Amino acid sequence: MMQDVSKYLQCTFSYVGYDKTAKECEEMLRSGDIDIYTAARKTEERETEFAFSKHPAITATTCMNVKVGNTM
């Protein structure tokens, strides 16, 4: 999605922080090392420091598959 957005904004994105914890990514955002962090959950505390989108843009889900008949 970000690559498609970049075509209209005439900018490029660098994807960093994949080797970081959520806390480290939040600190990178706080220090200006990154501009966008998509995994932060909205809390009252974070709302005092960061801007959150009014419209959901990214969702995270988990899917667990189990073999039929597996009872263990």
PDB file of N, CA and C in Angstrom:
ATOM      1  N   MET A   1       0.814  -1.187   0.000  1.00  0.00           N
ATOM      2  CA  MET A   1       0.000   0.000   0.000  1.00  0.00           C
ATOM      3  C   MET A   1       0.866   1.263   0.000  1.00  0.00           C
ATOM      4  N   MET A   2       1.894   1.257   0.818  1.00  0.00           N
ATOM      5  CA  MET A   2       2.746   2.450   0.912  1.00  0.00           C
ATOM      6  C   MET A   2       3.447   2.727  -0.420  1.00  0.00           C
ATOM      7  N   GLN A   3       3.832   1.694  -1.144  1.00  0.00           N
ATOM      8  CA  GLN A   3       4.470   1.900  -2.436  1.00  0.00           C
ATOM      9  C   GLN A   3       3.505   2.572  -3.406  1.00  0.00           C
ATOM     10  N   ASP A   4       2.230   2.190  -3.367  1.00  0.00           N
ATOM     11  CA  ASP A   4       1.239   2.831  -4.227  1.00  0.00           C
ATOM     12  C   ASP A   4       1.017   4.283  -3.821  1.00  0.00           C
ATOM     13  N   VAL A   5       0.984   4.553  -2.528  1.00  0.00           N
ATOM     14  CA  VAL A   5       0.832   5.921  -2.034  1.00  0.00           C
ATOM     15  C   VAL A   5       2.010   6.782  -2.480  1.00  0.00           C
ATOM     16  N   SER A   6       3.210   6.193  -2.480  1.00  0.00           N
ATOM     17  CA  SER A   6       4.408   6.956  -2.835  1.00  0.00           C
ATOM     18  C   SER A   6       4.352   7.501  -4.256  1.00  0.00           C
ATOM     19  N   LYS A   7       3.639   6.830  -5.149  1.00  0.00           N
ATOM     20  CA  LYS A   7       3.508   7.306  -6.529  1.00  0.00           C
ATOM     21  C   LYS A   7       2.796   8.651  -6.585  1.00  0.00           C
ATOM     22  N   TYR A   8       1.819   8.838  -5.701  1.00  0.00           N
ATOM     23  CA  TYR A   8       1.041  10.075  -5.685  1.00  0.00           C
ATOM     24  C   TYR A   8       1.709  11.177  -4.871  1.00  0.00           C
ATOM     25  N   LEU A   9       2.490  10.779  -3.884  1.00  0.00           N
ATOM     26  CA  LEU A   9       3.178  11.764  -3.039  1.00  0.00           C
ATOM     27  C   LEU A   9       4.553  12.123  -3.583  1.00  0.00           C
ATOM     28  N   GLN A  10       4.994  11.402  -4.593  1.00  0.00           N
ATOM     29  CA  GLN A  10       6.325  11.585  -5.170  1.00  0.00           C
ATOM     30  C   GLN A  10       7.397  11.500  -4.081  1.00  0.00           C
ATOM     31  N   CYS A  11       7.358  10.396  -3.349  1.00  0.00           N
ATOM     32  CA  CYS A  11       8.340  10.152  -2.297  1.00  0.00           C
ATOM     33  C   CYS A  11       8.690   8.674  -2.293  1.00  0.00           C
ATOM     34  N   THR A  12       9.635   8.310  -1.474  1.00  0.00           N
ATOM     35  CA  THR A  12       9.996   6.906  -1.302  1.00  0.00           C
ATOM     36  C   THR A  12       9.907   6.556   0.176  1.00  0.00           C
ATOM     37  N   PHE A  13       9.720   5.288   0.442  1.00  0.00           N
ATOM     38  CA  PHE A  13       9.654   4.804   1.813  1.00  0.00           C
ATOM     39  C   PHE A  13      10.776   3.812   2.047  1.00  0.00           C
ATOM     40  N   SER A  14      11.359   3.867   3.220  1.00  0.00           N
ATOM     41  CA  SER A  14      12.333   2.866   3.650  1.00  0.00           C
ATOM     42  C   SER A  14      11.692   2.100   4.789  1.00  0.00           C
ATOM     43  N   TYR A  15      11.737   0.803   4.725  1.00  0.00           N
ATOM     44  CA  TYR A  15      11.117  -0.032   5.742  1.00  0.00           C
ATOM     45  C   TYR A  15      12.198  -0.472   6.726  1.00  0.00           C
ATOM     46  N   VAL A  16      12.122   0.024   7.943  1.00  0.00           N
ATOM     47  CA  VAL A  16      13.136  -0.259   8.963  1.00  0.00           C
ATOM     48  C   VAL A  16      12.441  -0.709  10.247  1.00  0.00           C
ATOM     49  N   GLY A  17      13.206  -1.291  11.130  1.00  0.00           N
ATOM     50  CA  GLY A  17      12.698  -1.646  12.441  1.00  0.00           C
ATOM     51  C   GLY A  17      12.188  -3.059  12.571  1.00  0.00           C
ATOM     52  N   TYR A  18      12.333  -3.871  11.523  1.00  0.00           N
ATOM     53  CA  TYR A  18      11.827  -5.240  11.610  1.00  0.00           C
ATOM     54  C   TYR A  18      12.580  -6.077  12.638  1.00  0.00           C
ATOM     55  N   ASP A  19      13.785  -5.660  12.973  1.00  0.00           N
ATOM     56  CA  ASP A  19      14.562  -6.390  13.975  1.00  0.00           C
ATOM     57  C   ASP A  19      14.400  -5.781  15.368  1.00  0.00           C
ATOM     58  N   LYS A  20      13.470  -4.863  15.522  1.00  0.00           N
ATOM     59  CA  LYS A  20      13.259  -4.150  16.783  1.00  0.00           C
ATOM     60  C   LYS A  20      12.006  -4.661  17.496  1.00  0.00           C
ATOM     61  N   THR A  21      11.965  -4.433  18.793  1.00  0.00           N
ATOM     62  CA  THR A  21      10.758  -4.732  19.555  1.00  0.00           C
ATOM     63  C   THR A  21       9.772  -3.584  19.373  1.00  0.00           C
ATOM     64  N   ALA A  22       8.535  -3.801  19.789  1.00  0.00           N
ATOM     65  CA  ALA A  22       7.529  -2.749  19.697  1.00  0.00           C
ATOM     66  C   ALA A  22       7.965  -1.530  20.509  1.00  0.00           C
ATOM     67  N   LYS A  23       8.533  -1.755  21.669  1.00  0.00           N
ATOM     68  CA  LYS A  23       8.999  -0.648  22.520  1.00  0.00           C
ATOM     69  C   LYS A  23      10.108   0.125  21.822  1.00  0.00           C
ATOM     70  N   GLU A  24      11.028  -0.575  21.172  1.00  0.00           N
ATOM     71  CA  GLU A  24      12.119   0.082  20.446  1.00  0.00           C
ATOM     72  C   GLU A  24      11.580   0.893  19.271  1.00  0.00           C
ATOM     73  N   CYS A  25      10.587   0.360  18.571  1.00  0.00           N
ATOM     74  CA  CYS A  25       9.990   1.097  17.450  1.00  0.00           C
ATOM     75  C   CYS A  25       9.287   2.355  17.941  1.00  0.00           C
ATOM     76  N   GLU A  26       8.612   2.247  19.073  1.00  0.00           N
ATOM     77  CA  GLU A  26       7.955   3.420  19.645  1.00  0.00           C
ATOM     78  C   GLU A  26       8.993   4.484  20.006  1.00  0.00           C
ATOM     79  N   GLU A  27      10.122   4.070  20.529  1.00  0.00           N
ATOM     80  CA  GLU A  27      11.192   5.023  20.859  1.00  0.00           C
ATOM     81  C   GLU A  27      11.784   5.628  19.586  1.00  0.00           C
ATOM     82  N   MET A  28      11.898   4.837  18.514  1.00  0.00           N
ATOM     83  CA  MET A  28      12.387   5.366  17.239  1.00  0.00           C
ATOM     84  C   MET A  28      11.439   6.444  16.711  1.00  0.00           C
ATOM     85  N   LEU A  29      10.145   6.233  16.872  1.00  0.00           N
ATOM     86  CA  LEU A  29       9.154   7.234  16.467  1.00  0.00           C
ATOM     87  C   LEU A  29       9.301   8.492  17.312  1.00  0.00           C
ATOM     88  N   ARG A  30       9.448   8.287  18.593  1.00  0.00           N
ATOM     89  CA  ARG A  30       9.594   9.406  19.536  1.00  0.00           C
ATOM     90  C   ARG A  30      10.840  10.243  19.217  1.00  0.00           C
ATOM     91  N   SER A  31      11.932   9.577  18.853  1.00  0.00           N
ATOM     92  CA  SER A  31      13.193  10.284  18.603  1.00  0.00           C
ATOM     93  C   SER A  31      13.305  10.818  17.176  1.00  0.00           C
ATOM     94  N   GLY A  32      12.330  10.475  16.313  1.00  0.00           N
ATOM     95  CA  GLY A  32      12.376  10.969  14.944  1.00  0.00           C
ATOM     96  C   GLY A  32      13.169  10.095  13.994  1.00  0.00           C
ATOM     97  N   ASP A  33      13.591   8.910  14.445  1.00  0.00           N
ATOM     98  CA  ASP A  33      14.316   7.995  13.568  1.00  0.00           C
ATOM     99  C   ASP A  33      13.397   7.367  12.533  1.00  0.00           C
ATOM    100  N   ILE A  34      12.105   7.286  12.839  1.00  0.00           N
ATOM    101  CA  ILE A  34      11.097   6.843  11.877  1.00  0.00           C
ATOM    102  C   ILE A  34       9.933   7.827  11.918  1.00  0.00           C
ATOM    103  N   ASP A  35       9.167   7.876  10.842  1.00  0.00           N
ATOM    104  CA  ASP A  35       8.044   8.816  10.751  1.00  0.00           C
ATOM    105  C   ASP A  35       6.686   8.148  10.947  1.00  0.00           C
ATOM    106  N   ILE A  36       6.599   6.869  10.626  1.00  0.00           N
ATOM    107  CA  ILE A  36       5.337   6.148  10.719  1.00  0.00           C
ATOM    108  C   ILE A  36       5.588   4.824  11.417  1.00  0.00           C
ATOM    109  N   TYR A  37       4.734   4.515  12.383  1.00  0.00           N
ATOM    110  CA  TYR A  37       4.781   3.221  13.058  1.00  0.00           C
ATOM    111  C   TYR A  37       3.360   2.689  13.073  1.00  0.00           C
ATOM    112  N   THR A  38       3.139   1.591  12.372  1.00  0.00           N
ATOM    113  CA  THR A  38       1.769   1.139  12.141  1.00  0.00           C
ATOM    114  C   THR A  38       1.245   0.166  13.184  1.00  0.00           C
ATOM    115  N   ALA A  39       2.067  -0.318  14.081  1.00  0.00           N
ATOM    116  CA  ALA A  39       1.619  -1.368  15.004  1.00  0.00           C
ATOM    117  C   ALA A  39       1.214  -0.856  16.387  1.00  0.00           C
ATOM    118  N   ALA A  40       1.348   0.420  16.642  1.00  0.00           N
ATOM    119  CA  ALA A  40       1.023   0.939  17.978  1.00  0.00           C
ATOM    120  C   ALA A  40      -0.479   0.958  18.200  1.00  0.00           C
ATOM    121  N   ARG A  41      -0.884   0.463  19.343  1.00  0.00           N
ATOM    122  CA  ARG A  41      -2.296   0.544  19.715  1.00  0.00           C
ATOM    123  C   ARG A  41      -2.571   1.914  20.323  1.00  0.00           C
ATOM    124  N   LYS A  42      -3.735   2.421  20.015  1.00  0.00           N
ATOM    125  CA  LYS A  42      -4.140   3.741  20.502  1.00  0.00           C
ATOM    126  C   LYS A  42      -4.484   3.660  21.985  1.00  0.00           C
ATOM    127  N   THR A  43      -3.793   4.459  22.792  1.00  0.00           N
ATOM    128  CA  THR A  43      -4.087   4.567  24.217  1.00  0.00           C
ATOM    129  C   THR A  43      -4.170   6.048  24.565  1.00  0.00           C
ATOM    130  N   GLU A  44      -4.777   6.363  25.689  1.00  0.00           N
ATOM    131  CA  GLU A  44      -4.857   7.765  26.112  1.00  0.00           C
ATOM    132  C   GLU A  44      -3.465   8.353  26.287  1.00  0.00           C
ATOM    133  N   GLU A  45      -2.556   7.578  26.842  1.00  0.00           N
ATOM    134  CA  GLU A  45      -1.177   8.049  27.049  1.00  0.00           C
ATOM    135  C   GLU A  45      -0.493   8.358  25.718  1.00  0.00           C
ATOM    136  N   ARG A  46      -0.629   7.454  24.761  1.00  0.00           N
ATOM    137  CA  ARG A  46       0.011   7.666  23.456  1.00  0.00           C
ATOM    138  C   ARG A  46      -0.641   8.820  22.698  1.00  0.00           C
ATOM    139  N   GLU A  47      -1.938   9.016  22.882  1.00  0.00           N
ATOM    140  CA  GLU A  47      -2.623  10.109  22.184  1.00  0.00           C
ATOM    141  C   GLU A  47      -2.094  11.473  22.599  1.00  0.00           C
ATOM    142  N   THR A  48      -1.507  11.579  23.776  1.00  0.00           N
ATOM    143  CA  THR A  48      -0.939  12.859  24.208  1.00  0.00           C
ATOM    144  C   THR A  48       0.373  13.158  23.501  1.00  0.00           C
ATOM    145  N   GLU A  49       0.995  12.117  22.955  1.00  0.00           N
ATOM    146  CA  GLU A  49       2.320  12.288  22.343  1.00  0.00           C
ATOM    147  C   GLU A  49       2.344  12.097  20.830  1.00  0.00           C
ATOM    148  N   PHE A  50       1.472  11.243  20.312  1.00  0.00           N
ATOM    149  CA  PHE A  50       1.493  10.888  18.901  1.00  0.00           C
ATOM    150  C   PHE A  50       0.155  11.195  18.242  1.00  0.00           C
ATOM    151  N   ALA A  51       0.180  11.374  16.923  1.00  0.00           N
ATOM    152  CA  ALA A  51      -1.048  11.575  16.151  1.00  0.00           C
ATOM    153  C   ALA A  51      -1.497  10.220  15.607  1.00  0.00           C
ATOM    154  N   PHE A  52      -2.784   9.949  15.746  1.00  0.00           N
ATOM    155  CA  PHE A  52      -3.362   8.705  15.241  1.00  0.00           C
ATOM    156  C   PHE A  52      -4.359   9.028  14.144  1.00  0.00           C
ATOM    157  N   SER A  53      -4.427   8.157  13.153  1.00  0.00           N
ATOM    158  CA  SER A  53      -5.403   8.309  12.086  1.00  0.00           C
ATOM    159  C   SER A  53      -6.812   8.171  12.646  1.00  0.00           C
ATOM    160  N   LYS A  54      -7.725   8.954  12.109  1.00  0.00           N
ATOM    161  CA  LYS A  54      -9.126   8.846  12.519  1.00  0.00           C
ATOM    162  C   LYS A  54      -9.808   7.678  11.823  1.00  0.00           C
ATOM    163  N   HIS A  55      -9.200   7.195  10.755  1.00  0.00           N
ATOM    164  CA  HIS A  55      -9.774   6.105   9.979  1.00  0.00           C
ATOM    165  C   HIS A  55      -8.823   4.918  10.012  1.00  0.00           C
ATOM    166  N   PRO A  56      -9.345   3.726  10.268  1.00  0.00           N
ATOM    167  CA  PRO A  56      -8.460   2.557  10.281  1.00  0.00           C
ATOM    168  C   PRO A  56      -7.827   2.335   8.909  1.00  0.00           C
ATOM    169  N   ALA A  57      -6.536   2.078   8.901  1.00  0.00           N
ATOM    170  CA  ALA A  57      -5.838   1.874   7.639  1.00  0.00           C
ATOM    171  C   ALA A  57      -5.192   0.493   7.572  1.00  0.00           C
ATOM    172  N   ILE A  58      -4.802  -0.028   8.700  1.00  0.00           N
ATOM    173  CA  ILE A  58      -4.080  -1.295   8.743  1.00  0.00           C
ATOM    174  C   ILE A  58      -4.656  -2.121   9.884  1.00  0.00           C
ATOM    175  N   THR A  59      -4.880  -3.384   9.631  1.00  0.00           N
ATOM    176  CA  THR A  59      -5.362  -4.267  10.686  1.00  0.00           C
ATOM    177  C   THR A  59      -4.418  -5.442  10.811  1.00  0.00           C
ATOM    178  N   ALA A  60      -4.398  -6.046  11.963  1.00  0.00           N
ATOM    179  CA  ALA A  60      -3.564  -7.223  12.204  1.00  0.00           C
ATOM    180  C   ALA A  60      -4.460  -8.361  12.660  1.00  0.00           C
ATOM    181  N   THR A  61      -4.276  -9.519  12.083  1.00  0.00           N
ATOM    182  CA  THR A  61      -5.046 -10.687  12.481  1.00  0.00           C
ATOM    183  C   THR A  61      -4.118 -11.882  12.602  1.00  0.00           C
ATOM    184  N   THR A  62      -4.562 -12.846  13.331  1.00  0.00           N
ATOM    185  CA  THR A  62      -3.816 -14.089  13.479  1.00  0.00           C
ATOM    186  C   THR A  62      -4.742 -15.236  13.123  1.00  0.00           C
ATOM    187  N   CYS A  63      -4.242 -16.177  12.388  1.00  0.00           N
ATOM    188  CA  CYS A  63      -5.025 -17.343  11.999  1.00  0.00           C
ATOM    189  C   CYS A  63      -4.254 -18.585  12.420  1.00  0.00           C
ATOM    190  N   MET A  64      -4.916 -19.452  13.173  1.00  0.00           N
ATOM    191  CA  MET A  64      -4.267 -20.689  13.602  1.00  0.00           C
ATOM    192  C   MET A  64      -4.992 -21.857  12.954  1.00  0.00           C
ATOM    193  N   ASN A  65      -4.262 -22.703  12.295  1.00  0.00           N
ATOM    194  CA  ASN A  65      -4.830 -23.869  11.631  1.00  0.00           C
ATOM    195  C   ASN A  65      -4.423 -25.125  12.378  1.00  0.00           C
ATOM    196  N   VAL A  66      -5.383 -26.020  12.572  1.00  0.00           N
ATOM    197  CA  VAL A  66      -5.145 -27.278  13.259  1.00  0.00           C
ATOM    198  C   VAL A  66      -5.663 -28.408  12.377  1.00  0.00           C
ATOM    199  N   LYS A  67      -4.933 -29.478  12.327  1.00  0.00           N
ATOM    200  CA  LYS A  67      -5.349 -30.635  11.538  1.00  0.00           C
ATOM    201  C   LYS A  67      -6.679 -31.170  12.073  1.00  0.00           C
ATOM    202  N   VAL A  68      -7.596 -31.461  11.183  1.00  0.00           N
ATOM    203  CA  VAL A  68      -8.890 -32.031  11.563  1.00  0.00           C
ATOM    204  C   VAL A  68      -8.656 -33.317  12.354  1.00  0.00           C
ATOM    205  N   GLY A  69      -9.323 -33.448  13.471  1.00  0.00           N
ATOM    206  CA  GLY A  69      -9.203 -34.639  14.290  1.00  0.00           C
ATOM    207  C   GLY A  69      -8.100 -34.573  15.333  1.00  0.00           C
ATOM    208  N   ASN A  70      -7.275 -33.542  15.277  1.00  0.00           N
ATOM    209  CA  ASN A  70      -6.195 -33.411  16.249  1.00  0.00           C
ATOM    210  C   ASN A  70      -6.798 -32.990  17.584  1.00  0.00           C
ATOM    211  N   THR A  71      -6.622 -33.813  18.591  1.00  0.00           N
ATOM    212  CA  THR A  71      -7.188 -33.530  19.919  1.00  0.00           C
ATOM    213  C   THR A  71      -6.099 -33.183  20.930  1.00  0.00           C
ATOM    214  N   MET A  72      -4.870 -33.122  20.535  1.00  0.00           N
ATOM    215  CA  MET A  72      -3.769 -32.821  21.464  1.00  0.00           C
ATOM    216  C   MET A  72      -3.466 -31.365  21.505  1.00  0.00           C
TER     217      MET A  72
END
